[in-house]
Amino acid sequence: MAERRRYETTLIINAALEDQEIDAVVSKVTKYIEDNGGEVENVKNAGRRRLAYPINKKYNGCYVHIQFLASSEFQTIYNKFLILEDTILRHLNLDLPDAMIEYRKQRDLEAGKVSAEKAEEKSE
C-alpha cells in the first residue's frame, strides 16, 4: 500500500445554493474521500464571500477547507471527481508539510482556540 500523506482541499462552492445543499455537497466530497481509502481529519466552513473575479457568471462563493489523509494515487481520481461536480466552482489541493501542521497547532494554542489537551490529542 502506498504511503498516506496529509492533504488539504479548498473548495469554492456556488453560494446561490441553500445551506443544506452546501452541506450535502461537502458531505458528498467527504464520503468520496472515505470511500476511496482516505481519512477526513477536519472540515472547516469559512462561509460565503465575494469572489475576486466572476467564475461562471457567479460573484459569490462558499469556501470550505477539508483536511484529510490519503495515498498519492488517490489525487488523480479525486481531481477528476471535483472537476465533474458542477456545484464546485474551483478547488485547490495542497500537500501539507509537517511544519505547516505544527505551525497551525501552535497558532491555535496561542490564540486560545484549542486547549493544551486537545492540541496534544490532535498531534497523536
PDB file of N, CA and C in Angstrom:
ATOM      1  N   MET A   1       0.846  -1.188   0.000  1.00  0.00           N
ATOM      2  CA  MET A   1       0.000   0.000   0.000  1.00  0.00           C
ATOM      3  C   MET A   1       0.880   1.235   0.000  1.00  0.00           C
ATOM      4  N   ALA A   2       0.440   2.238  -0.704  1.00  0.00           N
ATOM      5  CA  ALA A   2       1.211   3.473  -0.822  1.00  0.00           C
ATOM      6  C   ALA A   2       1.181   4.262   0.489  1.00  0.00           C
ATOM      7  N   GLU A   3       2.168   5.097   0.623  1.00  0.00           N
ATOM      8  CA  GLU A   3       2.258   5.932   1.822  1.00  0.00           C
ATOM      9  C   GLU A   3       1.106   6.936   1.843  1.00  0.00           C
ATOM     10  N   ARG A   4       0.519   7.076   3.007  1.00  0.00           N
ATOM     11  CA  ARG A   4      -0.569   8.049   3.160  1.00  0.00           C
ATOM     12  C   ARG A   4       0.029   9.394   3.537  1.00  0.00           C
ATOM     13  N   ARG A   5      -0.445  10.423   2.888  1.00  0.00           N
ATOM     14  CA  ARG A   5       0.040  11.767   3.139  1.00  0.00           C
ATOM     15  C   ARG A   5      -1.133  12.642   3.555  1.00  0.00           C
ATOM     16  N   ARG A   6      -0.811  13.772   4.142  1.00  0.00           N
ATOM     17  CA  ARG A   6      -1.840  14.697   4.601  1.00  0.00           C
ATOM     18  C   ARG A   6      -2.052  15.760   3.517  1.00  0.00           C
ATOM     19  N   TYR A   7      -3.305  15.941   3.142  1.00  0.00           N
ATOM     20  CA  TYR A   7      -3.673  16.908   2.113  1.00  0.00           C
ATOM     21  C   TYR A   7      -4.717  17.869   2.659  1.00  0.00           C
ATOM     22  N   GLU A   8      -4.821  19.005   1.983  1.00  0.00           N
ATOM     23  CA  GLU A   8      -5.882  19.962   2.285  1.00  0.00           C
ATOM     24  C   GLU A   8      -6.489  20.410   0.974  1.00  0.00           C
ATOM     25  N   THR A   9      -7.792  20.393   0.910  1.00  0.00           N
ATOM     26  CA  THR A   9      -8.516  20.852  -0.264  1.00  0.00           C
ATOM     27  C   THR A   9      -9.334  22.073   0.127  1.00  0.00           C
ATOM     28  N   THR A  10      -9.215  23.106  -0.674  1.00  0.00           N
ATOM     29  CA  THR A  10     -10.065  24.278  -0.514  1.00  0.00           C
ATOM     30  C   THR A  10     -11.058  24.271  -1.665  1.00  0.00           C
ATOM     31  N   LEU A  11     -12.332  24.293  -1.317  1.00  0.00           N
ATOM     32  CA  LEU A  11     -13.400  24.280  -2.312  1.00  0.00           C
ATOM     33  C   LEU A  11     -14.099  25.628  -2.328  1.00  0.00           C
ATOM     34  N   ILE A  12     -14.458  26.090  -3.508  1.00  0.00           N
ATOM     35  CA  ILE A  12     -15.356  27.233  -3.636  1.00  0.00           C
ATOM     36  C   ILE A  12     -16.635  26.675  -4.238  1.00  0.00           C
ATOM     37  N   ILE A  13     -17.680  26.686  -3.431  1.00  0.00           N
ATOM     38  CA  ILE A  13     -18.972  26.122  -3.825  1.00  0.00           C
ATOM     39  C   ILE A  13     -19.899  27.266  -4.185  1.00  0.00           C
ATOM     40  N   ASN A  14     -20.772  27.035  -5.133  1.00  0.00           N
ATOM     41  CA  ASN A  14     -21.734  28.035  -5.567  1.00  0.00           C
ATOM     42  C   ASN A  14     -22.540  28.552  -4.367  1.00  0.00           C
ATOM     43  N   ALA A  15     -22.434  29.840  -4.093  1.00  0.00           N
ATOM     44  CA  ALA A  15     -23.104  30.425  -2.919  1.00  0.00           C
ATOM     45  C   ALA A  15     -24.601  30.624  -3.134  1.00  0.00           C
ATOM     46  N   ALA A  16     -25.081  30.426  -4.344  1.00  0.00           N
ATOM     47  CA  ALA A  16     -26.518  30.552  -4.600  1.00  0.00           C
ATOM     48  C   ALA A  16     -27.287  29.366  -4.021  1.00  0.00           C
ATOM     49  N   LEU A  17     -26.591  28.325  -3.639  1.00  0.00           N
ATOM     50  CA  LEU A  17     -27.232  27.158  -3.034  1.00  0.00           C
ATOM     51  C   LEU A  17     -27.642  27.459  -1.597  1.00  0.00           C
ATOM     52  N   GLU A  18     -28.646  26.747  -1.137  1.00  0.00           N
ATOM     53  CA  GLU A  18     -29.074  26.844   0.262  1.00  0.00           C
ATOM     54  C   GLU A  18     -28.027  26.170   1.155  1.00  0.00           C
ATOM     55  N   ASP A  19     -28.062  26.485   2.454  1.00  0.00           N
ATOM     56  CA  ASP A  19     -27.103  25.907   3.398  1.00  0.00           C
ATOM     57  C   ASP A  19     -27.160  24.381   3.422  1.00  0.00           C
ATOM     58  N   GLN A  20     -28.366  23.820   3.334  1.00  0.00           N
ATOM     59  CA  GLN A  20     -28.496  22.365   3.344  1.00  0.00           C
ATOM     60  C   GLN A  20     -27.864  21.752   2.095  1.00  0.00           C
ATOM     61  N   GLU A  21     -27.996  22.434   0.952  1.00  0.00           N
ATOM     62  CA  GLU A  21     -27.409  21.931  -0.287  1.00  0.00           C
ATOM     63  C   GLU A  21     -25.884  22.009  -0.240  1.00  0.00           C
ATOM     64  N   ILE A  22     -25.348  23.069   0.368  1.00  0.00           N
ATOM     65  CA  ILE A  22     -23.901  23.194   0.521  1.00  0.00           C
ATOM     66  C   ILE A  22     -23.380  22.092   1.443  1.00  0.00           C
ATOM     67  N   ASP A  23     -24.095  21.842   2.542  1.00  0.00           N
ATOM     68  CA  ASP A  23     -23.713  20.752   3.446  1.00  0.00           C
ATOM     69  C   ASP A  23     -23.760  19.402   2.733  1.00  0.00           C
ATOM     70  N   ALA A  24     -24.730  19.229   1.826  1.00  0.00           N
ATOM     71  CA  ALA A  24     -24.839  17.981   1.067  1.00  0.00           C
ATOM     72  C   ALA A  24     -23.637  17.812   0.130  1.00  0.00           C
ATOM     73  N   VAL A  25     -23.188  18.896  -0.492  1.00  0.00           N
ATOM     74  CA  VAL A  25     -22.016  18.835  -1.371  1.00  0.00           C
ATOM     75  C   VAL A  25     -20.771  18.481  -0.559  1.00  0.00           C
ATOM     76  N   VAL A  26     -20.616  19.113   0.609  1.00  0.00           N
ATOM     77  CA  VAL A  26     -19.457  18.837   1.466  1.00  0.00           C
ATOM     78  C   VAL A  26     -19.486  17.387   1.939  1.00  0.00           C
ATOM     79  N   SER A  27     -20.648  16.893   2.335  1.00  0.00           N
ATOM     80  CA  SER A  27     -20.731  15.506   2.790  1.00  0.00           C
ATOM     81  C   SER A  27     -20.492  14.536   1.634  1.00  0.00           C
ATOM     82  N   LYS A  28     -20.883  14.907   0.415  1.00  0.00           N
ATOM     83  CA  LYS A  28     -20.621  14.071  -0.754  1.00  0.00           C
ATOM     84  C   LYS A  28     -19.114  13.968  -1.006  1.00  0.00           C
ATOM     85  N   VAL A  29     -18.397  15.085  -0.870  1.00  0.00           N
ATOM     86  CA  VAL A  29     -16.949  15.088  -1.071  1.00  0.00           C
ATOM     87  C   VAL A  29     -16.258  14.280   0.026  1.00  0.00           C
ATOM     88  N   THR A  30     -16.643  14.495   1.285  1.00  0.00           N
ATOM     89  CA  THR A  30     -16.006  13.749   2.382  1.00  0.00           C
ATOM     90  C   THR A  30     -16.307  12.255   2.275  1.00  0.00           C
ATOM     91  N   LYS A  31     -17.521  11.904   1.857  1.00  0.00           N
ATOM     92  CA  LYS A  31     -17.865  10.493   1.672  1.00  0.00           C
ATOM     93  C   LYS A  31     -17.027   9.895   0.548  1.00  0.00           C
ATOM     94  N   TYR A  32     -16.780  10.655  -0.508  1.00  0.00           N
ATOM     95  CA  TYR A  32     -15.952  10.168  -1.619  1.00  0.00           C
ATOM     96  C   TYR A  32     -14.524   9.897  -1.142  1.00  0.00           C
ATOM     97  N   ILE A  33     -14.009  10.790  -0.307  1.00  0.00           N
ATOM     98  CA  ILE A  33     -12.662  10.603   0.236  1.00  0.00           C
ATOM     99  C   ILE A  33     -12.609   9.322   1.069  1.00  0.00           C
ATOM    100  N   GLU A  34     -13.578   9.155   1.955  1.00  0.00           N
ATOM    101  CA  GLU A  34     -13.586   7.992   2.841  1.00  0.00           C
ATOM    102  C   GLU A  34     -13.835   6.693   2.079  1.00  0.00           C
ATOM    103  N   ASP A  35     -14.673   6.722   1.048  1.00  0.00           N
ATOM    104  CA  ASP A  35     -14.956   5.515   0.265  1.00  0.00           C
ATOM    105  C   ASP A  35     -13.750   5.051  -0.536  1.00  0.00           C
ATOM    106  N   ASN A  36     -12.817   5.953  -0.814  1.00  0.00           N
ATOM    107  CA  ASN A  36     -11.629   5.609  -1.597  1.00  0.00           C
ATOM    108  C   ASN A  36     -10.378   5.478  -0.735  1.00  0.00           C
ATOM    109  N   GLY A  37     -10.558   5.151   0.539  1.00  0.00           N
ATOM    110  CA  GLY A  37      -9.432   4.846   1.402  1.00  0.00           C
ATOM    111  C   GLY A  37      -8.836   6.028   2.142  1.00  0.00           C
ATOM    112  N   GLY A  38      -9.437   7.189   2.052  1.00  0.00           N
ATOM    113  CA  GLY A  38      -8.940   8.359   2.767  1.00  0.00           C
ATOM    114  C   GLY A  38      -9.549   8.473   4.153  1.00  0.00           C
ATOM    115  N   GLU A  39      -9.000   9.362   4.941  1.00  0.00           N
ATOM    116  CA  GLU A  39      -9.500   9.601   6.295  1.00  0.00           C
ATOM    117  C   GLU A  39      -9.617  11.114   6.505  1.00  0.00           C
ATOM    118  N   VAL A  40     -10.840  11.600   6.629  1.00  0.00           N
ATOM    119  CA  VAL A  40     -11.078  13.032   6.816  1.00  0.00           C
ATOM    120  C   VAL A  40     -10.754  13.398   8.256  1.00  0.00           C
ATOM    121  N   GLU A  41      -9.889  14.395   8.426  1.00  0.00           N
ATOM    122  CA  GLU A  41      -9.489  14.832   9.763  1.00  0.00           C
ATOM    123  C   GLU A  41     -10.238  16.070  10.216  1.00  0.00           C
ATOM    124  N   ASN A  42     -10.459  17.001   9.296  1.00  0.00           N
ATOM    125  CA  ASN A  42     -11.040  18.271   9.689  1.00  0.00           C
ATOM    126  C   ASN A  42     -11.787  18.876   8.510  1.00  0.00           C
ATOM    127  N   VAL A  43     -12.968  19.428   8.783  1.00  0.00           N
ATOM    128  CA  VAL A  43     -13.746  20.152   7.781  1.00  0.00           C
ATOM    129  C   VAL A  43     -14.097  21.511   8.375  1.00  0.00           C
ATOM    130  N   LYS A  44     -13.727  22.566   7.670  1.00  0.00           N
ATOM    131  CA  LYS A  44     -13.991  23.914   8.159  1.00  0.00           C
ATOM    132  C   LYS A  44     -14.728  24.701   7.084  1.00  0.00           C
ATOM    133  N   ASN A  45     -15.910  25.185   7.426  1.00  0.00           N
ATOM    134  CA  ASN A  45     -16.678  26.020   6.516  1.00  0.00           C
ATOM    135  C   ASN A  45     -16.323  27.474   6.813  1.00  0.00           C
ATOM    136  N   ALA A  46     -15.662  28.138   5.871  1.00  0.00           N
ATOM    137  CA  ALA A  46     -15.230  29.520   6.067  1.00  0.00           C
ATOM    138  C   ALA A  46     -16.317  30.520   5.690  1.00  0.00           C
ATOM    139  N   GLY A  47     -17.414  30.058   5.157  1.00  0.00           N
ATOM    140  CA  GLY A  47     -18.553  30.927   4.877  1.00  0.00           C
ATOM    141  C   GLY A  47     -18.568  31.496   3.466  1.00  0.00           C
ATOM    142  N   ARG A  48     -19.602  32.302   3.241  1.00  0.00           N
ATOM    143  CA  ARG A  48     -19.788  32.923   1.922  1.00  0.00           C
ATOM    144  C   ARG A  48     -18.957  34.201   1.823  1.00  0.00           C
ATOM    145  N   ARG A  49     -18.361  34.382   0.645  1.00  0.00           N
ATOM    146  CA  ARG A  49     -17.560  35.579   0.399  1.00  0.00           C
ATOM    147  C   ARG A  49     -17.716  35.997  -1.055  1.00  0.00           C
ATOM    148  N   ARG A  50     -17.428  37.252  -1.295  1.00  0.00           N
ATOM    149  CA  ARG A  50     -17.431  37.763  -2.659  1.00  0.00           C
ATOM    150  C   ARG A  50     -16.140  37.315  -3.340  1.00  0.00           C
ATOM    151  N   LEU A  51     -16.272  36.851  -4.576  1.00  0.00           N
ATOM    152  CA  LEU A  51     -15.121  36.401  -5.332  1.00  0.00           C
ATOM    153  C   LEU A  51     -14.345  37.588  -5.894  1.00  0.00           C
ATOM    154  N   ALA A  52     -13.049  37.420  -6.089  1.00  0.00           N
ATOM    155  CA  ALA A  52     -12.214  38.477  -6.648  1.00  0.00           C
ATOM    156  C   ALA A  52     -12.583  38.753  -8.106  1.00  0.00           C
ATOM    157  N   TYR A  53     -13.026  37.738  -8.799  1.00  0.00           N
ATOM    158  CA  TYR A  53     -13.475  37.874 -10.185  1.00  0.00           C
ATOM    159  C   TYR A  53     -14.568  36.853 -10.418  1.00  0.00           C
ATOM    160  N   PRO A  54     -15.470  37.113 -11.366  1.00  0.00           N
ATOM    161  CA  PRO A  54     -16.569  36.170 -11.596  1.00  0.00           C
ATOM    162  C   PRO A  54     -16.069  34.824 -12.125  1.00  0.00           C
ATOM    163  N   ILE A  55     -16.676  33.768 -11.622  1.00  0.00           N
ATOM    164  CA  ILE A  55     -16.405  32.414 -12.098  1.00  0.00           C
ATOM    165  C   ILE A  55     -17.737  31.846 -12.578  1.00  0.00           C
ATOM    166  N   ASN A  56     -17.817  31.523 -13.857  1.00  0.00           N
ATOM    167  CA  ASN A  56     -19.061  31.009 -14.451  1.00  0.00           C
ATOM    168  C   ASN A  56     -20.244  31.946 -14.163  1.00  0.00           C
ATOM    169  N   LYS A  57     -20.004  33.235 -14.263  1.00  0.00           N
ATOM    170  CA  LYS A  57     -21.004  34.285 -14.024  1.00  0.00           C
ATOM    171  C   LYS A  57     -21.536  34.292 -12.586  1.00  0.00           C
ATOM    172  N   LYS A  58     -20.753  33.770 -11.661  1.00  0.00           N
ATOM    173  CA  LYS A  58     -21.085  33.783 -10.233  1.00  0.00           C
ATOM    174  C   LYS A  58     -20.151  34.766  -9.546  1.00  0.00           C
ATOM    175  N   TYR A  59     -20.689  35.563  -8.637  1.00  0.00           N
ATOM    176  CA  TYR A  59     -19.901  36.588  -7.961  1.00  0.00           C
ATOM    177  C   TYR A  59     -19.615  36.269  -6.500  1.00  0.00           C
ATOM    178  N   ASN A  60     -20.307  35.276  -5.956  1.00  0.00           N
ATOM    179  CA  ASN A  60     -20.112  34.879  -4.564  1.00  0.00           C
ATOM    180  C   ASN A  60     -19.852  33.373  -4.496  1.00  0.00           C
ATOM    181  N   GLY A  61     -19.092  32.985  -3.470  1.00  0.00           N
ATOM    182  CA  GLY A  61     -18.800  31.576  -3.291  1.00  0.00           C
ATOM    183  C   GLY A  61     -18.723  31.235  -1.820  1.00  0.00           C
ATOM    184  N   CYS A  62     -18.949  29.976  -1.497  1.00  0.00           N
ATOM    185  CA  CYS A  62     -18.832  29.477  -0.135  1.00  0.00           C
ATOM    186  C   CYS A  62     -17.535  28.678  -0.055  1.00  0.00           C
ATOM    187  N   TYR A  63     -16.635  29.106   0.821  1.00  0.00           N
ATOM    188  CA  TYR A  63     -15.317  28.487   0.952  1.00  0.00           C
ATOM    189  C   TYR A  63     -15.349  27.394   2.016  1.00  0.00           C
ATOM    190  N   VAL A  64     -14.820  26.230   1.668  1.00  0.00           N
ATOM    191  CA  VAL A  64     -14.756  25.092   2.585  1.00  0.00           C
ATOM    192  C   VAL A  64     -13.356  24.490   2.504  1.00  0.00           C
ATOM    193  N   HIS A  65     -12.750  24.215   3.669  1.00  0.00           N
ATOM    194  CA  HIS A  65     -11.430  23.590   3.748  1.00  0.00           C
ATOM    195  C   HIS A  65     -11.593  22.194   4.326  1.00  0.00           C
ATOM    196  N   ILE A  66     -11.029  21.198   3.631  1.00  0.00           N
ATOM    197  CA  ILE A  66     -11.094  19.807   4.085  1.00  0.00           C
ATOM    198  C   ILE A  66      -9.666  19.297   4.225  1.00  0.00           C
ATOM    199  N   GLN A  67      -9.323  18.827   5.417  1.00  0.00           N
ATOM    200  CA  GLN A  67      -8.000  18.256   5.674  1.00  0.00           C
ATOM    201  C   GLN A  67      -8.175  16.750   5.822  1.00  0.00           C
ATOM    202  N   PHE A  68      -7.342  15.976   5.084  1.00  0.00           N
ATOM    203  CA  PHE A  68      -7.517  14.533   5.096  1.00  0.00           C
ATOM    204  C   PHE A  68      -6.204  13.812   4.817  1.00  0.00           C
ATOM    205  N   LEU A  69      -6.201  12.516   5.136  1.00  0.00           N
ATOM    206  CA  LEU A  69      -5.087  11.619   4.831  1.00  0.00           C
ATOM    207  C   LEU A  69      -5.494  10.733   3.658  1.00  0.00           C
ATOM    208  N   ALA A  70      -4.578  10.572   2.684  1.00  0.00           N
ATOM    209  CA  ALA A  70      -4.863   9.706   1.539  1.00  0.00           C
ATOM    210  C   ALA A  70      -3.557   9.358   0.843  1.00  0.00           C
ATOM    211  N   SER A  71      -3.635   8.377  -0.027  1.00  0.00           N
ATOM    212  CA  SER A  71      -2.457   7.993  -0.814  1.00  0.00           C
ATOM    213  C   SER A  71      -2.308   8.965  -1.987  1.00  0.00           C
ATOM    214  N   SER A  72      -1.109   9.030  -2.531  1.00  0.00           N
ATOM    215  CA  SER A  72      -0.863   9.953  -3.639  1.00  0.00           C
ATOM    216  C   SER A  72      -1.600   9.531  -4.907  1.00  0.00           C
ATOM    217  N   GLU A  73      -1.864   8.233  -5.083  1.00  0.00           N
ATOM    218  CA  GLU A  73      -2.604   7.769  -6.258  1.00  0.00           C
ATOM    219  C   GLU A  73      -4.053   8.265  -6.240  1.00  0.00           C
ATOM    220  N   PHE A  74      -4.568   8.498  -5.072  1.00  0.00           N
ATOM    221  CA  PHE A  74      -5.951   8.957  -4.931  1.00  0.00           C
ATOM    222  C   PHE A  74      -6.159  10.339  -5.538  1.00  0.00           C
ATOM    223  N   GLN A  75      -5.130  11.167  -5.571  1.00  0.00           N
ATOM    224  CA  GLN A  75      -5.259  12.551  -6.025  1.00  0.00           C
ATOM    225  C   GLN A  75      -5.748  12.654  -7.470  1.00  0.00           C
ATOM    226  N   THR A  76      -5.349  11.742  -8.324  1.00  0.00           N
ATOM    227  CA  THR A  76      -5.750  11.795  -9.727  1.00  0.00           C
ATOM    228  C   THR A  76      -7.253  11.631  -9.883  1.00  0.00           C
ATOM    229  N   ILE A  77      -7.812  10.607  -9.263  1.00  0.00           N
ATOM    230  CA  ILE A  77      -9.254  10.388  -9.393  1.00  0.00           C
ATOM    231  C   ILE A  77     -10.046  11.438  -8.601  1.00  0.00           C
ATOM    232  N   TYR A  78      -9.448  11.925  -7.525  1.00  0.00           N
ATOM    233  CA  TYR A  78     -10.101  12.942  -6.701  1.00  0.00           C
ATOM    234  C   TYR A  78     -10.241  14.253  -7.482  1.00  0.00           C
ATOM    235  N   ASN A  79      -9.197  14.643  -8.204  1.00  0.00           N
ATOM    236  CA  ASN A  79      -9.273  15.865  -9.011  1.00  0.00           C
ATOM    237  C   ASN A  79     -10.338  15.745 -10.093  1.00  0.00           C
ATOM    238  N   LYS A  80     -10.443  14.578 -10.726  1.00  0.00           N
ATOM    239  CA  LYS A  80     -11.476  14.378 -11.747  1.00  0.00           C
ATOM    240  C   LYS A  80     -12.864  14.475 -11.143  1.00  0.00           C
ATOM    241  N   PHE A  81     -13.023  13.900  -9.946  1.00  0.00           N
ATOM    242  CA  PHE A  81     -14.312  13.975  -9.256  1.00  0.00           C
ATOM    243  C   PHE A  81     -14.700  15.428  -8.976  1.00  0.00           C
ATOM    244  N   LEU A  82     -13.742  16.225  -8.497  1.00  0.00           N
ATOM    245  CA  LEU A  82     -14.034  17.624  -8.172  1.00  0.00           C
ATOM    246  C   LEU A  82     -14.339  18.444  -9.421  1.00  0.00           C
ATOM    247  N   ILE A  83     -13.658  18.156 -10.512  1.00  0.00           N
ATOM    248  CA  ILE A  83     -13.911  18.880 -11.759  1.00  0.00           C
ATOM    249  C   ILE A  83     -15.311  18.576 -12.289  1.00  0.00           C
ATOM    250  N   LEU A  84     -15.745  17.331 -12.171  1.00  0.00           N
ATOM    251  CA  LEU A  84     -17.050  16.931 -12.689  1.00  0.00           C
ATOM    252  C   LEU A  84     -18.215  17.373 -11.806  1.00  0.00           C
ATOM    253  N   GLU A  85     -17.950  17.713 -10.571  1.00  0.00           N
ATOM    254  CA  GLU A  85     -19.011  18.175  -9.659  1.00  0.00           C
ATOM    255  C   GLU A  85     -19.372  19.610 -10.048  1.00  0.00           C
ATOM    256  N   ASP A  86     -20.580  19.813 -10.588  1.00  0.00           N
ATOM    257  CA  ASP A  86     -20.942  21.113 -11.158  1.00  0.00           C
ATOM    258  C   ASP A  86     -21.216  22.205 -10.130  1.00  0.00           C
ATOM    259  N   THR A  87     -21.436  21.866  -8.874  1.00  0.00           N
ATOM    260  CA  THR A  87     -21.682  22.891  -7.858  1.00  0.00           C
ATOM    261  C   THR A  87     -20.385  23.467  -7.292  1.00  0.00           C
ATOM    262  N   ILE A  88     -19.255  22.826  -7.592  1.00  0.00           N
ATOM    263  CA  ILE A  88     -17.956  23.319  -7.137  1.00  0.00           C
ATOM    264  C   ILE A  88     -17.371  24.194  -8.233  1.00  0.00           C
ATOM    265  N   LEU A  89     -17.202  25.488  -7.925  1.00  0.00           N
ATOM    266  CA  LEU A  89     -16.690  26.425  -8.915  1.00  0.00           C
ATOM    267  C   LEU A  89     -15.190  26.268  -9.120  1.00  0.00           C
ATOM    268  N   ARG A  90     -14.438  26.142  -8.029  1.00  0.00           N
ATOM    269  CA  ARG A  90     -12.983  25.962  -8.079  1.00  0.00           C
ATOM    270  C   ARG A  90     -12.551  25.081  -6.908  1.00  0.00           C
ATOM    271  N   HIS A  91     -11.379  24.470  -7.062  1.00  0.00           N
ATOM    272  CA  HIS A  91     -10.796  23.700  -5.971  1.00  0.00           C
ATOM    273  C   HIS A  91      -9.284  23.812  -6.032  1.00  0.00           C
ATOM    274  N   LEU A  92      -8.666  23.625  -4.883  1.00  0.00           N
ATOM    275  CA  LEU A  92      -7.212  23.649  -4.781  1.00  0.00           C
ATOM    276  C   LEU A  92      -6.799  22.562  -3.809  1.00  0.00           C
ATOM    277  N   ASN A  93      -5.939  21.648  -4.267  1.00  0.00           N
ATOM    278  CA  ASN A  93      -5.422  20.576  -3.426  1.00  0.00           C
ATOM    279  C   ASN A  93      -3.984  20.879  -3.060  1.00  0.00           C
ATOM    280  N   LEU A  94      -3.672  20.784  -1.773  1.00  0.00           N
ATOM    281  CA  LEU A  94      -2.318  21.025  -1.294  1.00  0.00           C
ATOM    282  C   LEU A  94      -1.827  19.836  -0.490  1.00  0.00           C
ATOM    283  N   ASP A  95      -0.554  19.534  -0.645  1.00  0.00           N
ATOM    284  CA  ASP A  95       0.112  18.546   0.183  1.00  0.00           C
ATOM    285  C   ASP A  95       0.649  19.300   1.396  1.00  0.00           C
ATOM    286  N   LEU A  96       0.134  19.007   2.587  1.00  0.00           N
ATOM    287  CA  LEU A  96       0.522  19.748   3.779  1.00  0.00           C
ATOM    288  C   LEU A  96       1.800  19.191   4.394  1.00  0.00           C
ATOM    289  N   PRO A  97       2.849  20.011   4.497  1.00  0.00           N
ATOM    290  CA  PRO A  97       4.061  19.547   5.186  1.00  0.00           C
ATOM    291  C   PRO A  97       3.851  19.536   6.701  1.00  0.00           C
ATOM    292  N   ASP A  98       4.650  18.735   7.391  1.00  0.00           N
ATOM    293  CA  ASP A  98       4.529  18.628   8.848  1.00  0.00           C
ATOM    294  C   ASP A  98       4.767  19.963   9.541  1.00  0.00           C
ATOM    295  N   ALA A  99       5.649  20.799   8.979  1.00  0.00           N
ATOM    296  CA  ALA A  99       5.932  22.104   9.579  1.00  0.00           C
ATOM    297  C   ALA A  99       4.677  22.984   9.590  1.00  0.00           C
ATOM    298  N   MET A 100       3.861  22.906   8.553  1.00  0.00           N
ATOM    299  CA  MET A 100       2.629  23.706   8.488  1.00  0.00           C
ATOM    300  C   MET A 100       1.616  23.224   9.528  1.00  0.00           C
ATOM    301  N   ILE A 101       1.547  21.933   9.738  1.00  0.00           N
ATOM    302  CA  ILE A 101       0.617  21.377  10.721  1.00  0.00           C
ATOM    303  C   ILE A 101       1.011  21.819  12.125  1.00  0.00           C
ATOM    304  N   GLU A 102       2.310  21.744  12.430  1.00  0.00           N
ATOM    305  CA  GLU A 102       2.796  22.193  13.736  1.00  0.00           C
ATOM    306  C   GLU A 102       2.565  23.684  13.930  1.00  0.00           C
ATOM    307  N   TYR A 103       2.779  24.464  12.877  1.00  0.00           N
ATOM    308  CA  TYR A 103       2.548  25.909  12.964  1.00  0.00           C
ATOM    309  C   TYR A 103       1.081  26.208  13.278  1.00  0.00           C
ATOM    310  N   ARG A 104       0.172  25.520  12.609  1.00  0.00           N
ATOM    311  CA  ARG A 104      -1.262  25.747  12.849  1.00  0.00           C
ATOM    312  C   ARG A 104      -1.657  25.363  14.271  1.00  0.00           C
ATOM    313  N   LYS A 105      -1.098  24.257  14.784  1.00  0.00           N
ATOM    314  CA  LYS A 105      -1.401  23.850  16.161  1.00  0.00           C
ATOM    315  C   LYS A 105      -0.910  24.908  17.147  1.00  0.00           C
ATOM    316  N   GLN A 106       0.304  25.397  16.934  1.00  0.00           N
ATOM    317  CA  GLN A 106       0.878  26.412  17.812  1.00  0.00           C
ATOM    318  C   GLN A 106       0.071  27.702  17.748  1.00  0.00           C
ATOM    319  N   ARG A 107      -0.337  28.100  16.540  1.00  0.00           N
ATOM    320  CA  ARG A 107      -1.120  29.318  16.364  1.00  0.00           C
ATOM    321  C   ARG A 107      -2.467  29.214  17.075  1.00  0.00           C
ATOM    322  N   ASP A 108      -3.130  28.076  16.929  1.00  0.00           N
ATOM    323  CA  ASP A 108      -4.415  27.873  17.597  1.00  0.00           C
ATOM    324  C   ASP A 108      -4.262  27.858  19.107  1.00  0.00           C
ATOM    325  N   LEU A 109      -3.157  27.278  19.586  1.00  0.00           N
ATOM    326  CA  LEU A 109      -2.892  27.222  21.020  1.00  0.00           C
ATOM    327  C   LEU A 109      -2.678  28.622  21.582  1.00  0.00           C
ATOM    328  N   GLU A 110      -1.907  29.434  20.872  1.00  0.00           N
ATOM    329  CA  GLU A 110      -1.639  30.802  21.321  1.00  0.00           C
ATOM    330  C   GLU A 110      -2.878  31.684  21.253  1.00  0.00           C
ATOM    331  N   ALA A 111      -3.713  31.452  20.254  1.00  0.00           N
ATOM    332  CA  ALA A 111      -4.926  32.251  20.110  1.00  0.00           C
ATOM    333  C   ALA A 111      -6.011  31.826  21.089  1.00  0.00           C
ATOM    334  N   GLY A 112      -5.800  30.703  21.765  1.00  0.00           N
ATOM    335  CA  GLY A 112      -6.781  30.229  22.736  1.00  0.00           C
ATOM    336  C   GLY A 112      -7.930  29.475  22.109  1.00  0.00           C
ATOM    337  N   LYS A 113      -7.801  29.120  20.824  1.00  0.00           N
ATOM    338  CA  LYS A 113      -8.866  28.392  20.152  1.00  0.00           C
ATOM    339  C   LYS A 113      -8.930  26.938  20.610  1.00  0.00           C
ATOM    340  N   VAL A 114      -7.775  26.394  20.986  1.00  0.00           N
ATOM    341  CA  VAL A 114      -7.682  24.991  21.378  1.00  0.00           C
ATOM    342  C   VAL A 114      -6.970  24.906  22.718  1.00  0.00           C
ATOM    343  N   SER A 115      -7.460  24.048  23.598  1.00  0.00           N
ATOM    344  CA  SER A 115      -6.782  23.851  24.878  1.00  0.00           C
ATOM    345  C   SER A 115      -5.544  22.982  24.671  1.00  0.00           C
ATOM    346  N   ALA A 116      -4.655  22.964  25.631  1.00  0.00           N
ATOM    347  CA  ALA A 116      -3.408  22.198  25.528  1.00  0.00           C
ATOM    348  C   ALA A 116      -3.692  20.704  25.394  1.00  0.00           C
ATOM    349  N   GLU A 117      -4.736  20.207  26.070  1.00  0.00           N
ATOM    350  CA  GLU A 117      -5.061  18.788  25.987  1.00  0.00           C
ATOM    351  C   GLU A 117      -5.497  18.411  24.582  1.00  0.00           C
ATOM    352  N   LYS A 118      -6.308  19.264  23.941  1.00  0.00           N
ATOM    353  CA  LYS A 118      -6.776  18.980  22.587  1.00  0.00           C
ATOM    354  C   LYS A 118      -5.641  19.068  21.587  1.00  0.00           C
ATOM    355  N   ALA A 119      -4.694  19.984  21.822  1.00  0.00           N
ATOM    356  CA  ALA A 119      -3.551  20.114  20.915  1.00  0.00           C
ATOM    357  C   ALA A 119      -2.704  18.835  20.959  1.00  0.00           C
ATOM    358  N   GLU A 120      -2.513  18.279  22.167  1.00  0.00           N
ATOM    359  CA  GLU A 120      -1.762  17.031  22.291  1.00  0.00           C
ATOM    360  C   GLU A 120      -2.522  15.875  21.658  1.00  0.00           C
ATOM    361  N   GLU A 121      -3.854  15.893  21.824  1.00  0.00           N
ATOM    362  CA  GLU A 121      -4.691  14.838  21.266  1.00  0.00           C
ATOM    363  C   GLU A 121      -4.631  14.842  19.746  1.00  0.00           C
ATOM    364  N   LYS A 122      -4.612  16.029  19.123  1.00  0.00           N
ATOM    365  CA  LYS A 122      -4.555  16.132  17.675  1.00  0.00           C
ATOM    366  C   LYS A 122      -3.214  15.672  17.131  1.00  0.00           C
ATOM    367  N   SER A 123      -2.150  15.884  17.882  1.00  0.00           N
ATOM    368  CA  SER A 123      -0.825  15.515  17.394  1.00  0.00           C
ATOM    369  C   SER A 123      -0.619  14.002  17.387  1.00  0.00           C
ATOM    370  N   GLU A 124      -1.396  13.248  18.154  1.00  0.00           N
ATOM    371  CA  GLU A 124      -1.233  11.785  18.223  1.00  0.00           C
ATOM    372  C   GLU A 124      -1.963  11.084  17.139  1.00  0.00           C
TER     373      GLU A 124
END
